[in-house]
């Protein structure tokens, strides 16, 4: 199991986002996530600006594992970043 912090930016309607959460849950990885589409106003705008700094296309899911940024559901890359 990883000791790196894991942060997810997701959309509630995104199948790849759901798959990413499922994978992390199956691997019993603790993670923080933000469902961006549930945010409103300034909070949403601030989060989108943060995402654009690490993922200029602002696509989902955006996953941060330690210093590693993974965009999209890429099971192999996610597991490698987690050290699994």
N, C-alpha and C. Protein backbone atom coordinates (compact mmCIF):
# COMPACT_ATOMS: atom_id res chain seq x y z
N UNK A 1 0.84 -1.19 0.00
CA UNK A 1 0.00 0.00 0.00
C UNK A 1 0.88 1.24 0.00
N UNK A 2 0.39 2.28 -0.63
CA UNK A 2 1.19 3.49 -0.79
C UNK A 2 1.09 4.39 0.42
N UNK A 3 2.17 5.11 0.69
CA UNK A 3 2.12 6.14 1.73
C UNK A 3 2.06 7.52 1.08
N UNK A 4 1.95 7.53 -0.25
CA UNK A 4 1.84 8.78 -0.99
C UNK A 4 0.39 9.28 -0.91
N UNK A 5 0.20 10.60 -0.81
CA UNK A 5 -1.17 11.10 -0.84
C UNK A 5 -1.78 10.90 -2.22
N UNK A 6 -3.05 10.54 -2.24
CA UNK A 6 -3.77 10.31 -3.50
C UNK A 6 -4.96 11.26 -3.55
N UNK A 7 -5.03 12.04 -4.63
CA UNK A 7 -6.11 13.02 -4.82
C UNK A 7 -6.72 12.79 -6.18
N UNK A 8 -8.04 12.78 -6.24
CA UNK A 8 -8.78 12.54 -7.47
C UNK A 8 -9.71 13.71 -7.76
N UNK A 9 -9.70 14.15 -9.00
CA UNK A 9 -10.69 15.13 -9.46
C UNK A 9 -11.57 14.39 -10.45
N UNK A 10 -12.87 14.34 -10.16
CA UNK A 10 -13.78 13.51 -10.94
C UNK A 10 -15.07 14.24 -11.29
N UNK A 11 -15.85 13.59 -12.15
CA UNK A 11 -17.22 14.01 -12.45
C UNK A 11 -18.13 12.85 -12.08
N UNK A 12 -19.29 13.15 -11.52
CA UNK A 12 -20.19 12.08 -11.08
C UNK A 12 -20.76 11.28 -12.25
N UNK A 13 -20.77 11.87 -13.44
CA UNK A 13 -21.35 11.21 -14.62
C UNK A 13 -20.33 10.47 -15.47
N UNK A 14 -19.08 10.46 -15.06
CA UNK A 14 -17.97 9.93 -15.87
C UNK A 14 -17.69 8.46 -15.53
N UNK A 15 -17.81 7.58 -16.53
CA UNK A 15 -17.58 6.15 -16.28
C UNK A 15 -16.11 5.88 -15.94
N UNK A 16 -15.19 6.61 -16.54
CA UNK A 16 -13.76 6.41 -16.23
C UNK A 16 -13.46 6.85 -14.80
N UNK A 17 -14.14 7.88 -14.33
CA UNK A 17 -13.98 8.34 -12.95
C UNK A 17 -14.47 7.26 -11.98
N UNK A 18 -15.62 6.68 -12.30
CA UNK A 18 -16.18 5.61 -11.46
C UNK A 18 -15.24 4.41 -11.43
N UNK A 19 -14.66 4.07 -12.58
CA UNK A 19 -13.72 2.95 -12.65
C UNK A 19 -12.49 3.22 -11.81
N UNK A 20 -12.02 4.46 -11.82
CA UNK A 20 -10.84 4.82 -11.03
C UNK A 20 -11.13 4.68 -9.55
N UNK A 21 -12.27 5.17 -9.11
CA UNK A 21 -12.65 5.04 -7.69
C UNK A 21 -12.77 3.57 -7.31
N UNK A 22 -13.37 2.77 -8.19
CA UNK A 22 -13.54 1.34 -7.92
C UNK A 22 -12.17 0.67 -7.77
N UNK A 23 -11.24 1.00 -8.67
CA UNK A 23 -9.89 0.42 -8.61
C UNK A 23 -9.22 0.78 -7.29
N UNK A 24 -9.27 2.04 -6.91
CA UNK A 24 -8.63 2.47 -5.66
C UNK A 24 -9.28 1.79 -4.45
N UNK A 25 -10.59 1.64 -4.49
CA UNK A 25 -11.28 0.94 -3.39
C UNK A 25 -10.89 -0.53 -3.34
N UNK A 26 -10.79 -1.18 -4.50
CA UNK A 26 -10.40 -2.60 -4.55
C UNK A 26 -8.98 -2.79 -4.03
N UNK A 27 -8.13 -1.79 -4.26
CA UNK A 27 -6.74 -1.85 -3.79
C UNK A 27 -6.60 -1.33 -2.36
N UNK A 28 -7.73 -1.03 -1.72
CA UNK A 28 -7.80 -0.47 -0.37
C UNK A 28 -6.85 0.71 -0.18
N UNK A 29 -6.89 1.62 -1.15
CA UNK A 29 -6.08 2.84 -1.10
C UNK A 29 -6.95 3.96 -0.55
N UNK A 30 -6.42 4.69 0.42
CA UNK A 30 -7.14 5.86 0.92
C UNK A 30 -6.88 7.02 -0.04
N UNK A 31 -7.92 7.74 -0.35
CA UNK A 31 -7.78 8.87 -1.28
C UNK A 31 -8.81 9.94 -0.97
N UNK A 32 -8.48 11.16 -1.38
CA UNK A 32 -9.42 12.27 -1.32
C UNK A 32 -9.92 12.50 -2.73
N UNK A 33 -11.17 12.88 -2.87
CA UNK A 33 -11.68 13.17 -4.20
C UNK A 33 -12.61 14.36 -4.16
N UNK A 34 -12.70 15.02 -5.31
CA UNK A 34 -13.63 16.13 -5.49
C UNK A 34 -14.46 15.84 -6.73
N UNK A 35 -15.77 15.75 -6.56
CA UNK A 35 -16.68 15.64 -7.71
C UNK A 35 -16.91 17.07 -8.20
N UNK A 36 -16.16 17.45 -9.21
CA UNK A 36 -16.12 18.84 -9.67
C UNK A 36 -17.49 19.32 -10.15
N UNK A 37 -18.27 18.43 -10.77
CA UNK A 37 -19.57 18.85 -11.29
C UNK A 37 -20.59 19.15 -10.19
N UNK A 38 -20.29 18.79 -8.94
CA UNK A 38 -21.20 19.11 -7.84
C UNK A 38 -20.87 20.44 -7.18
N UNK A 39 -19.72 21.02 -7.56
CA UNK A 39 -19.33 22.32 -7.01
C UNK A 39 -20.05 23.43 -7.76
N UNK A 40 -20.12 24.59 -7.13
CA UNK A 40 -20.77 25.73 -7.76
C UNK A 40 -19.93 26.99 -7.59
N UNK A 41 -20.17 27.94 -8.48
CA UNK A 41 -19.62 29.28 -8.35
C UNK A 41 -18.11 29.36 -8.21
N UNK A 42 -17.67 30.16 -7.24
CA UNK A 42 -16.24 30.42 -7.04
C UNK A 42 -15.47 29.16 -6.66
N UNK A 43 -16.12 28.28 -5.90
CA UNK A 43 -15.45 27.04 -5.49
C UNK A 43 -15.11 26.20 -6.72
N UNK A 44 -16.08 26.07 -7.62
CA UNK A 44 -15.85 25.31 -8.86
C UNK A 44 -14.76 25.98 -9.70
N UNK A 45 -14.83 27.28 -9.83
CA UNK A 45 -13.86 28.02 -10.64
C UNK A 45 -12.44 27.83 -10.08
N UNK A 46 -12.30 27.89 -8.76
CA UNK A 46 -10.99 27.73 -8.12
C UNK A 46 -10.43 26.33 -8.36
N UNK A 47 -11.26 25.31 -8.22
CA UNK A 47 -10.82 23.93 -8.43
C UNK A 47 -10.42 23.72 -9.88
N UNK A 48 -11.20 24.25 -10.82
CA UNK A 48 -10.86 24.10 -12.24
C UNK A 48 -9.53 24.77 -12.56
N UNK A 49 -9.25 25.91 -11.95
CA UNK A 49 -7.95 26.58 -12.15
C UNK A 49 -6.82 25.71 -11.61
N UNK A 50 -7.03 25.09 -10.45
CA UNK A 50 -6.02 24.18 -9.88
C UNK A 50 -5.77 23.00 -10.82
N UNK A 51 -6.83 22.43 -11.36
CA UNK A 51 -6.69 21.28 -12.25
C UNK A 51 -5.92 21.69 -13.51
N UNK A 52 -6.24 22.84 -14.07
CA UNK A 52 -5.58 23.29 -15.30
C UNK A 52 -4.08 23.47 -15.13
N UNK A 53 -3.62 23.73 -13.91
CA UNK A 53 -2.18 23.86 -13.66
C UNK A 53 -1.45 22.54 -13.87
N UNK A 54 -2.13 21.44 -13.58
CA UNK A 54 -1.49 20.12 -13.71
C UNK A 54 -1.99 19.35 -14.92
N UNK A 55 -3.15 19.73 -15.45
CA UNK A 55 -3.75 19.07 -16.60
C UNK A 55 -4.43 20.15 -17.45
N UNK A 56 -3.66 20.78 -18.35
CA UNK A 56 -4.18 21.91 -19.14
C UNK A 56 -5.48 21.62 -19.89
N UNK A 57 -5.71 20.38 -20.28
CA UNK A 57 -6.96 20.04 -20.98
C UNK A 57 -8.14 19.96 -20.03
N UNK A 58 -7.85 19.88 -18.74
CA UNK A 58 -8.89 19.84 -17.71
C UNK A 58 -9.87 18.69 -17.97
N UNK A 59 -9.31 17.51 -18.23
CA UNK A 59 -10.14 16.34 -18.49
C UNK A 59 -10.17 15.46 -17.23
N UNK A 60 -11.09 14.51 -17.23
CA UNK A 60 -11.33 13.72 -16.03
C UNK A 60 -11.29 12.23 -16.33
N UNK A 61 -10.88 11.42 -15.35
CA UNK A 61 -10.39 11.84 -14.05
C UNK A 61 -8.96 12.39 -14.14
N UNK A 62 -8.65 13.28 -13.22
CA UNK A 62 -7.28 13.72 -13.02
C UNK A 62 -6.86 13.17 -11.66
N UNK A 63 -5.80 12.38 -11.66
CA UNK A 63 -5.36 11.67 -10.47
C UNK A 63 -3.96 12.15 -10.10
N UNK A 64 -3.77 12.46 -8.84
CA UNK A 64 -2.44 12.86 -8.35
C UNK A 64 -2.04 11.84 -7.29
N UNK A 65 -0.94 11.16 -7.55
CA UNK A 65 -0.41 10.17 -6.60
C UNK A 65 0.99 10.64 -6.25
N UNK A 66 1.15 11.19 -5.06
CA UNK A 66 2.43 11.80 -4.70
C UNK A 66 2.72 12.94 -5.65
N UNK A 67 3.80 12.83 -6.43
CA UNK A 67 4.17 13.85 -7.41
C UNK A 67 3.73 13.46 -8.83
N UNK A 68 3.12 12.30 -8.98
CA UNK A 68 2.73 11.78 -10.29
C UNK A 68 1.31 12.19 -10.65
N UNK A 69 1.14 12.73 -11.84
CA UNK A 69 -0.19 13.09 -12.34
C UNK A 69 -0.56 12.13 -13.46
N UNK A 70 -1.73 11.53 -13.34
CA UNK A 70 -2.25 10.61 -14.35
C UNK A 70 -3.60 11.16 -14.79
N UNK A 71 -3.77 11.29 -16.09
CA UNK A 71 -5.03 11.79 -16.64
C UNK A 71 -5.73 10.63 -17.34
N UNK A 72 -6.95 10.35 -16.91
CA UNK A 72 -7.71 9.25 -17.49
C UNK A 72 -7.56 7.99 -16.66
N UNK A 73 -8.38 7.01 -17.00
CA UNK A 73 -8.32 5.72 -16.30
C UNK A 73 -7.27 4.85 -16.96
N UNK A 74 -6.11 4.80 -16.34
CA UNK A 74 -4.99 4.00 -16.85
C UNK A 74 -4.55 3.07 -15.73
N UNK A 75 -5.20 1.92 -15.66
CA UNK A 75 -5.02 1.01 -14.53
C UNK A 75 -3.56 0.69 -14.26
N UNK A 76 -2.81 0.34 -15.31
CA UNK A 76 -1.41 -0.04 -15.13
C UNK A 76 -0.60 1.12 -14.53
N UNK A 77 -0.77 2.33 -15.08
CA UNK A 77 -0.03 3.49 -14.58
C UNK A 77 -0.42 3.82 -13.14
N UNK A 78 -1.70 3.70 -12.83
CA UNK A 78 -2.18 3.99 -11.47
C UNK A 78 -1.53 3.01 -10.50
N UNK A 79 -1.57 1.71 -10.83
CA UNK A 79 -0.99 0.71 -9.95
C UNK A 79 0.51 0.90 -9.78
N UNK A 80 1.20 1.26 -10.87
CA UNK A 80 2.64 1.50 -10.79
C UNK A 80 2.93 2.69 -9.87
N UNK A 81 2.17 3.77 -10.02
CA UNK A 81 2.37 4.96 -9.18
C UNK A 81 2.10 4.65 -7.71
N UNK A 82 1.19 3.71 -7.47
CA UNK A 82 0.87 3.31 -6.09
C UNK A 82 1.87 2.30 -5.54
N UNK A 83 2.71 1.75 -6.41
CA UNK A 83 3.66 0.74 -5.99
C UNK A 83 3.02 -0.61 -5.81
N UNK A 84 1.97 -0.89 -6.57
CA UNK A 84 1.27 -2.19 -6.46
C UNK A 84 1.70 -3.14 -7.55
